[in-house]
Amino acid sequence: MEPDVCSAKGCREPAVWQLLWNNPKLHTPDRRKTWLACTDHRESLEAFLGARGFLKETVPHEQV
Protein backbone atom coordinates (compact mmCIF):
# COMPACT_ATOMS: atom_id res chain seq x y z
CA MET A 1 0.00 0.00 0.00
CA GLU A 2 1.26 3.46 -0.95
CA PRO A 3 1.77 5.99 1.86
CA ASP A 4 -0.46 9.08 2.05
CA VAL A 5 1.35 11.99 0.40
CA CYS A 6 1.60 15.73 0.99
CA SER A 7 -1.15 17.94 -0.49
CA ALA A 8 1.32 20.59 -1.72
CA LYS A 9 1.30 20.90 -5.50
CA GLY A 10 3.81 18.51 -7.05
CA CYS A 11 5.01 17.08 -3.73
CA ARG A 12 5.16 13.30 -3.42
CA GLU A 13 6.68 13.13 0.07
CA PRO A 14 4.93 11.09 2.77
CA ALA A 15 2.43 13.02 4.88
CA VAL A 16 3.41 13.67 8.48
CA TRP A 17 0.74 16.25 9.41
CA GLN A 18 -3.00 16.74 8.97
CA LEU A 19 -4.16 20.33 8.58
CA LEU A 20 -7.81 20.48 9.62
CA TRP A 21 -9.73 23.38 8.16
CA ASN A 22 -13.07 24.68 6.99
CA ASN A 23 -14.39 27.58 4.96
CA PRO A 24 -17.02 29.23 7.18
CA LYS A 25 -18.84 30.56 4.11
CA LEU A 26 -19.36 27.00 2.83
CA HIS A 27 -19.12 24.61 5.78
CA THR A 28 -20.87 24.24 9.12
CA PRO A 29 -18.65 25.17 12.10
CA ASP A 30 -18.12 21.52 13.10
CA ARG A 31 -17.09 20.29 9.63
CA ARG A 32 -13.38 19.67 9.04
CA LYS A 33 -11.69 19.19 5.71
CA THR A 34 -8.16 17.77 5.67
CA TRP A 35 -5.00 18.64 3.82
CA LEU A 36 -1.96 16.44 4.37
CA ALA A 37 1.52 17.93 4.75
CA CYS A 38 5.10 16.74 4.79
CA THR A 39 7.52 18.45 7.18
CA ASP A 40 8.83 20.79 4.44
CA HIS A 41 5.38 22.06 3.41
CA ARG A 42 3.62 22.23 6.79
CA GLU A 43 4.35 25.92 7.41
CA SER A 44 3.47 27.12 3.91
CA LEU A 45 0.18 25.21 3.85
CA GLU A 46 -0.67 26.46 7.36
CA ALA A 47 0.12 30.03 6.25
CA PHE A 48 -2.10 29.70 3.17
CA LEU A 49 -5.07 28.41 5.19
CA GLY A 50 -4.38 30.73 8.13
CA ALA A 51 -4.32 33.86 5.96
CA ARG A 52 -7.87 33.04 4.89
CA GLY A 53 -9.04 32.20 8.42
CA PHE A 54 -9.65 28.57 7.44
CA LEU A 55 -7.07 26.69 9.55
CA LYS A 56 -8.56 25.14 12.68
CA GLU A 57 -5.90 22.69 13.89
CA THR A 58 -2.75 20.82 12.87
CA VAL A 59 -2.32 17.29 14.20
CA PRO A 60 0.11 14.44 13.53
CA HIS A 61 -0.91 12.15 10.66
CA GLU A 62 -1.01 8.45 11.33
CA GLN A 63 -0.84 6.20 8.27
CA VAL A 64 -3.69 3.70 8.17
PDB file of N, CA and C in Angstrom:
ATOM      1  N   MET A   1       0.840  -1.182   0.000  1.00  0.00           N
ATOM      2  CA  MET A   1       0.000   0.000   0.000  1.00  0.00           C
ATOM      3  C   MET A   1       0.887   1.249   0.000  1.00  0.00           C
ATOM      4  N   GLU A   2       0.517   2.215  -0.851  1.00  0.00           N
ATOM      5  CA  GLU A   2       1.264   3.465  -0.953  1.00  0.00           C
ATOM      6  C   GLU A   2       0.987   4.349   0.268  1.00  0.00           C
ATOM      7  N   PRO A   3       2.017   5.076   0.745  1.00  0.00           N
ATOM      8  CA  PRO A   3       1.766   5.992   1.863  1.00  0.00           C
ATOM      9  C   PRO A   3       0.957   7.201   1.405  1.00  0.00           C
ATOM     10  N   ASP A   4       0.235   7.826   2.335  1.00  0.00           N
ATOM     11  CA  ASP A   4      -0.455   9.077   2.050  1.00  0.00           C
ATOM     12  C   ASP A   4       0.611  10.135   1.765  1.00  0.00           C
ATOM     13  N   VAL A   5       0.345  11.001   0.793  1.00  0.00           N
ATOM     14  CA  VAL A   5       1.351  11.989   0.404  1.00  0.00           C
ATOM     15  C   VAL A   5       0.867  13.410   0.697  1.00  0.00           C
ATOM     16  N   CYS A   6       1.816  14.310   0.738  1.00  0.00           N
ATOM     17  CA  CYS A   6       1.598  15.735   0.991  1.00  0.00           C
ATOM     18  C   CYS A   6       0.645  16.323  -0.053  1.00  0.00           C
ATOM     19  N   SER A   7      -0.191  17.269   0.384  1.00  0.00           N
ATOM     20  CA  SER A   7      -1.150  17.937  -0.495  1.00  0.00           C
ATOM     21  C   SER A   7      -0.543  19.100  -1.288  1.00  0.00           C
ATOM     22  N   ALA A   8       0.695  19.485  -0.988  1.00  0.00           N
ATOM     23  CA  ALA A   8       1.320  20.593  -1.720  1.00  0.00           C
ATOM     24  C   ALA A   8       1.490  20.205  -3.185  1.00  0.00           C
ATOM     25  N   LYS A   9       1.238  21.156  -4.055  1.00  0.00           N
ATOM     26  CA  LYS A   9       1.300  20.901  -5.496  1.00  0.00           C
ATOM     27  C   LYS A   9       2.649  20.306  -5.896  1.00  0.00           C
ATOM     28  N   GLY A  10       2.604  19.159  -6.541  1.00  0.00           N
ATOM     29  CA  GLY A  10       3.807  18.508  -7.054  1.00  0.00           C
ATOM     30  C   GLY A  10       4.612  17.719  -6.036  1.00  0.00           C
ATOM     31  N   CYS A  11       4.253  17.784  -4.767  1.00  0.00           N
ATOM     32  CA  CYS A  11       5.013  17.076  -3.732  1.00  0.00           C
ATOM     33  C   CYS A  11       4.543  15.628  -3.654  1.00  0.00           C
ATOM     34  N   ARG A  12       5.473  14.715  -3.550  1.00  0.00           N
ATOM     35  CA  ARG A  12       5.157  13.297  -3.422  1.00  0.00           C
ATOM     36  C   ARG A  12       5.732  12.712  -2.126  1.00  0.00           C
ATOM     37  N   GLU A  13       6.112  13.583  -1.199  1.00  0.00           N
ATOM     38  CA  GLU A  13       6.678  13.128   0.075  1.00  0.00           C
ATOM     39  C   GLU A  13       5.571  12.571   0.979  1.00  0.00           C
ATOM     40  N   PRO A  14       5.927  11.635   1.841  1.00  0.00           N
ATOM     41  CA  PRO A  14       4.934  11.086   2.772  1.00  0.00           C
ATOM     42  C   PRO A  14       4.371  12.167   3.699  1.00  0.00           C
ATOM     43  N   ALA A  15       3.089  12.075   3.970  1.00  0.00           N
ATOM     44  CA  ALA A  15       2.432  13.015   4.877  1.00  0.00           C
ATOM     45  C   ALA A  15       2.806  12.718   6.319  1.00  0.00           C
ATOM     46  N   VAL A  16       3.070  13.774   7.070  1.00  0.00           N
ATOM     47  CA  VAL A  16       3.406  13.668   8.483  1.00  0.00           C
ATOM     48  C   VAL A  16       2.376  14.423   9.327  1.00  0.00           C
ATOM     49  N   TRP A  17       1.686  15.388   8.710  1.00  0.00           N
ATOM     50  CA  TRP A  17       0.740  16.248   9.408  1.00  0.00           C
ATOM     51  C   TRP A  17      -0.608  16.272   8.705  1.00  0.00           C
ATOM     52  N   GLN A  18      -1.660  16.476   9.489  1.00  0.00           N
ATOM     53  CA  GLN A  18      -3.003  16.742   8.965  1.00  0.00           C
ATOM     54  C   GLN A  18      -3.357  18.180   9.339  1.00  0.00           C
ATOM     55  N   LEU A  19      -3.702  18.978   8.345  1.00  0.00           N
ATOM     56  CA  LEU A  19      -4.163  20.330   8.582  1.00  0.00           C
ATOM     57  C   LEU A  19      -5.679  20.309   8.461  1.00  0.00           C
ATOM     58  N   LEU A  20      -6.352  20.536   9.570  1.00  0.00           N
ATOM     59  CA  LEU A  20      -7.805  20.477   9.623  1.00  0.00           C
ATOM     60  C   LEU A  20      -8.350  21.892   9.447  1.00  0.00           C
ATOM     61  N   TRP A  21      -9.259  22.044   8.499  1.00  0.00           N
ATOM     62  CA  TRP A  21      -9.731  23.383   8.159  1.00  0.00           C
ATOM     63  C   TRP A  21     -11.176  23.350   7.715  1.00  0.00           C
ATOM     64  N   ASN A  22     -11.773  24.532   7.634  1.00  0.00           N
ATOM     65  CA  ASN A  22     -13.068  24.683   6.986  1.00  0.00           C
ATOM     66  C   ASN A  22     -13.216  26.118   6.497  1.00  0.00           C
ATOM     67  N   ASN A  23     -14.046  26.275   5.496  1.00  0.00           N
ATOM     68  CA  ASN A  23     -14.387  27.583   4.960  1.00  0.00           C
ATOM     69  C   ASN A  23     -15.735  27.951   5.574  1.00  0.00           C
ATOM     70  N   PRO A  24     -15.772  28.925   6.483  1.00  0.00           N
ATOM     71  CA  PRO A  24     -17.019  29.233   7.179  1.00  0.00           C
ATOM     72  C   PRO A  24     -18.140  29.714   6.259  1.00  0.00           C
ATOM     73  N   LYS A  25     -17.804  30.151   5.055  1.00  0.00           N
ATOM     74  CA  LYS A  25     -18.845  30.562   4.111  1.00  0.00           C
ATOM     75  C   LYS A  25     -19.516  29.357   3.459  1.00  0.00           C
ATOM     76  N   LEU A  26     -18.837  28.199   3.484  1.00  0.00           N
ATOM     77  CA  LEU A  26     -19.360  27.003   2.826  1.00  0.00           C
ATOM     78  C   LEU A  26     -19.703  25.859   3.769  1.00  0.00           C
ATOM     79  N   HIS A  27     -19.012  25.773   4.901  1.00  0.00           N
ATOM     80  CA  HIS A  27     -19.120  24.610   5.777  1.00  0.00           C
ATOM     81  C   HIS A  27     -19.713  24.983   7.137  1.00  0.00           C
ATOM     82  N   THR A  28     -20.400  24.040   7.752  1.00  0.00           N
ATOM     83  CA  THR A  28     -20.873  24.239   9.121  1.00  0.00           C
ATOM     84  C   THR A  28     -19.665  24.322  10.048  1.00  0.00           C
ATOM     85  N   PRO A  29     -19.797  24.979  11.204  1.00  0.00           N
ATOM     86  CA  PRO A  29     -18.649  25.166  12.101  1.00  0.00           C
ATOM     87  C   PRO A  29     -17.962  23.874  12.546  1.00  0.00           C
ATOM     88  N   ASP A  30     -18.703  22.778  12.630  1.00  0.00           N
ATOM     89  CA  ASP A  30     -18.121  21.522  13.102  1.00  0.00           C
ATOM     90  C   ASP A  30     -17.473  20.694  11.995  1.00  0.00           C
ATOM     91  N   ARG A  31     -17.666  21.059  10.740  1.00  0.00           N
ATOM     92  CA  ARG A  31     -17.092  20.290   9.630  1.00  0.00           C
ATOM     93  C   ARG A  31     -15.603  20.574   9.517  1.00  0.00           C
ATOM     94  N   ARG A  32     -14.823  19.527   9.245  1.00  0.00           N
ATOM     95  CA  ARG A  32     -13.385  19.673   9.037  1.00  0.00           C
ATOM     96  C   ARG A  32     -12.992  18.995   7.742  1.00  0.00           C
ATOM     97  N   LYS A  33     -12.302  19.733   6.914  1.00  0.00           N
ATOM     98  CA  LYS A  33     -11.688  19.187   5.711  1.00  0.00           C
ATOM     99  C   LYS A  33     -10.225  18.961   6.077  1.00  0.00           C
ATOM    100  N   THR A  34      -9.528  18.125   5.315  1.00  0.00           N
ATOM    101  CA  THR A  34      -8.155  17.768   5.674  1.00  0.00           C
ATOM    102  C   THR A  34      -7.222  17.942   4.492  1.00  0.00           C
ATOM    103  N   TRP A  35      -6.135  18.641   4.734  1.00  0.00           N
ATOM    104  CA  TRP A  35      -4.996  18.636   3.824  1.00  0.00           C
ATOM    105  C   TRP A  35      -3.892  17.888   4.549  1.00  0.00           C
ATOM    106  N   LEU A  36      -3.100  17.147   3.800  1.00  0.00           N
ATOM    107  CA  LEU A  36      -1.959  16.444   4.373  1.00  0.00           C
ATOM    108  C   LEU A  36      -0.692  17.218   4.047  1.00  0.00           C
ATOM    109  N   ALA A  37       0.278  17.181   4.956  1.00  0.00           N
ATOM    110  CA  ALA A  37       1.519  17.927   4.746  1.00  0.00           C
ATOM    111  C   ALA A  37       2.734  17.117   5.162  1.00  0.00           C
ATOM    112  N   CYS A  38       3.800  17.260   4.376  1.00  0.00           N
ATOM    113  CA  CYS A  38       5.104  16.740   4.789  1.00  0.00           C
ATOM    114  C   CYS A  38       5.737  17.803   5.696  1.00  0.00           C
ATOM    115  N   THR A  39       6.856  17.496   6.286  1.00  0.00           N
ATOM    116  CA  THR A  39       7.517  18.449   7.177  1.00  0.00           C
ATOM    117  C   THR A  39       7.905  19.726   6.443  1.00  0.00           C
ATOM    118  N   ASP A  40       8.384  19.618   5.203  1.00  0.00           N
ATOM    119  CA  ASP A  40       8.831  20.790   4.444  1.00  0.00           C
ATOM    120  C   ASP A  40       7.694  21.738   4.067  1.00  0.00           C
ATOM    121  N   HIS A  41       6.487  21.219   3.875  1.00  0.00           N
ATOM    122  CA  HIS A  41       5.377  22.063   3.413  1.00  0.00           C
ATOM    123  C   HIS A  41       4.370  22.428   4.506  1.00  0.00           C
ATOM    124  N   ARG A  42       4.581  21.946   5.707  1.00  0.00           N
ATOM    125  CA  ARG A  42       3.618  22.231   6.788  1.00  0.00           C
ATOM    126  C   ARG A  42       3.403  23.735   6.960  1.00  0.00           C
ATOM    127  N   GLU A  43       4.480  24.486   7.121  1.00  0.00           N
ATOM    128  CA  GLU A  43       4.347  25.920   7.408  1.00  0.00           C
ATOM    129  C   GLU A  43       3.688  26.685   6.269  1.00  0.00           C
ATOM    130  N   SER A  44       4.050  26.372   5.027  1.00  0.00           N
ATOM    131  CA  SER A  44       3.469  27.121   3.906  1.00  0.00           C
ATOM    132  C   SER A  44       1.979  26.807   3.735  1.00  0.00           C
ATOM    133  N   LEU A  45       1.594  25.554   3.938  1.00  0.00           N
ATOM    134  CA  LEU A  45       0.177  25.208   3.848  1.00  0.00           C
ATOM    135  C   LEU A  45      -0.611  25.819   5.015  1.00  0.00           C
ATOM    136  N   GLU A  46      -0.021  25.818   6.221  1.00  0.00           N
ATOM    137  CA  GLU A  46      -0.670  26.463   7.357  1.00  0.00           C
ATOM    138  C   GLU A  46      -0.832  27.962   7.106  1.00  0.00           C
ATOM    139  N   ALA A  47       0.190  28.591   6.536  1.00  0.00           N
ATOM    140  CA  ALA A  47       0.122  30.027   6.248  1.00  0.00           C
ATOM    141  C   ALA A  47      -0.969  30.329   5.230  1.00  0.00           C
ATOM    142  N   PHE A  48      -1.085  29.513   4.194  1.00  0.00           N
ATOM    143  CA  PHE A  48      -2.103  29.699   3.169  1.00  0.00           C
ATOM    144  C   PHE A  48      -3.502  29.629   3.782  1.00  0.00           C
ATOM    145  N   LEU A  49      -3.758  28.571   4.557  1.00  0.00           N
ATOM    146  CA  LEU A  49      -5.069  28.410   5.188  1.00  0.00           C
ATOM    147  C   LEU A  49      -5.299  29.461   6.272  1.00  0.00           C
ATOM    148  N   GLY A  50      -4.266  29.756   7.042  1.00  0.00           N
ATOM    149  CA  GLY A  50      -4.376  30.728   8.127  1.00  0.00           C
ATOM    150  C   GLY A  50      -4.678  32.129   7.633  1.00  0.00           C
ATOM    151  N   ALA A  51      -4.092  32.530   6.512  1.00  0.00           N
ATOM    152  CA  ALA A  51      -4.319  33.865   5.956  1.00  0.00           C
ATOM    153  C   ALA A  51      -5.781  34.061   5.568  1.00  0.00           C
ATOM    154  N   ARG A  52      -6.458  32.981   5.280  1.00  0.00           N
ATOM    155  CA  ARG A  52      -7.868  33.037   4.893  1.00  0.00           C
ATOM    156  C   ARG A  52      -8.810  32.780   6.068  1.00  0.00           C
ATOM    157  N   GLY A  53      -8.235  32.493   7.242  1.00  0.00           N
ATOM    158  CA  GLY A  53      -9.039  32.201   8.417  1.00  0.00           C
ATOM    159  C   GLY A  53      -9.661  30.819   8.404  1.00  0.00           C
ATOM    160  N   PHE A  54      -9.091  29.914   7.595  1.00  0.00           N
ATOM    161  CA  PHE A  54      -9.652  28.571   7.438  1.00  0.00           C
ATOM    162  C   PHE A  54      -9.032  27.535   8.384  1.00  0.00           C
ATOM    163  N   LEU A  55      -7.775  27.706   8.767  1.00  0.00           N
ATOM    164  CA  LEU A  55      -7.073  26.687   9.551  1.00  0.00           C
ATOM    165  C   LEU A  55      -7.663  26.591  10.953  1.00  0.00           C
ATOM    166  N   LYS A  56      -8.005  25.386  11.356  1.00  0.00           N
ATOM    167  CA  LYS A  56      -8.557  25.143  12.685  1.00  0.00           C
ATOM    168  C   LYS A  56      -7.553  24.447  13.595  1.00  0.00           C
ATOM    169  N   GLU A  57      -6.804  23.484  13.039  1.00  0.00           N
ATOM    170  CA  GLU A  57      -5.901  22.694  13.886  1.00  0.00           C
ATOM    171  C   GLU A  57      -4.939  21.910  12.996  1.00  0.00           C
ATOM    172  N   THR A  58      -3.723  21.705  13.511  1.00  0.00           N
ATOM    173  CA  THR A  58      -2.750  20.823  12.865  1.00  0.00           C
ATOM    174  C   THR A  58      -2.429  19.699  13.835  1.00  0.00           C
ATOM    175  N   VAL A  59      -2.560  18.462  13.345  1.00  0.00           N
ATOM    176  CA  VAL A  59      -2.315  17.294  14.200  1.00  0.00           C
ATOM    177  C   VAL A  59      -1.420  16.307  13.458  1.00  0.00           C
ATOM    178  N   PRO A  60      -0.709  15.450  14.198  1.00  0.00           N
ATOM    179  CA  PRO A  60       0.107  14.437  13.526  1.00  0.00           C
ATOM    180  C   PRO A  60      -0.761  13.497  12.675  1.00  0.00           C
ATOM    181  N   HIS A  61      -0.212  13.072  11.551  1.00  0.00           N
ATOM    182  CA  HIS A  61      -0.914  12.147  10.663  1.00  0.00           C
ATOM    183  C   HIS A  61      -0.414  10.748  10.922  1.00  0.00           C
ATOM    184  N   GLU A  62      -1.349   9.853  11.146  1.00  0.00           N
ATOM    185  CA  GLU A  62      -1.010   8.446  11.333  1.00  0.00           C
ATOM    186  C   GLU A  62      -1.454   7.687  10.081  1.00  0.00           C
ATOM    187  N   GLN A  63      -0.518   7.008   9.450  1.00  0.00           N
ATOM    188  CA  GLN A  63      -0.843   6.196   8.267  1.00  0.00           C
ATOM    189  C   GLN A  63      -1.772   5.066   8.700  1.00  0.00           C
ATOM    190  N   VAL A  64      -2.747   4.787   7.877  1.00  0.00           N
ATOM    191  CA  VAL A  64      -3.689   3.699   8.174  1.00  0.00           C
ATOM    192  C   VAL A  64      -3.236   2.446   7.482  1.00  0.00           C
TER     193      VAL A  64
END
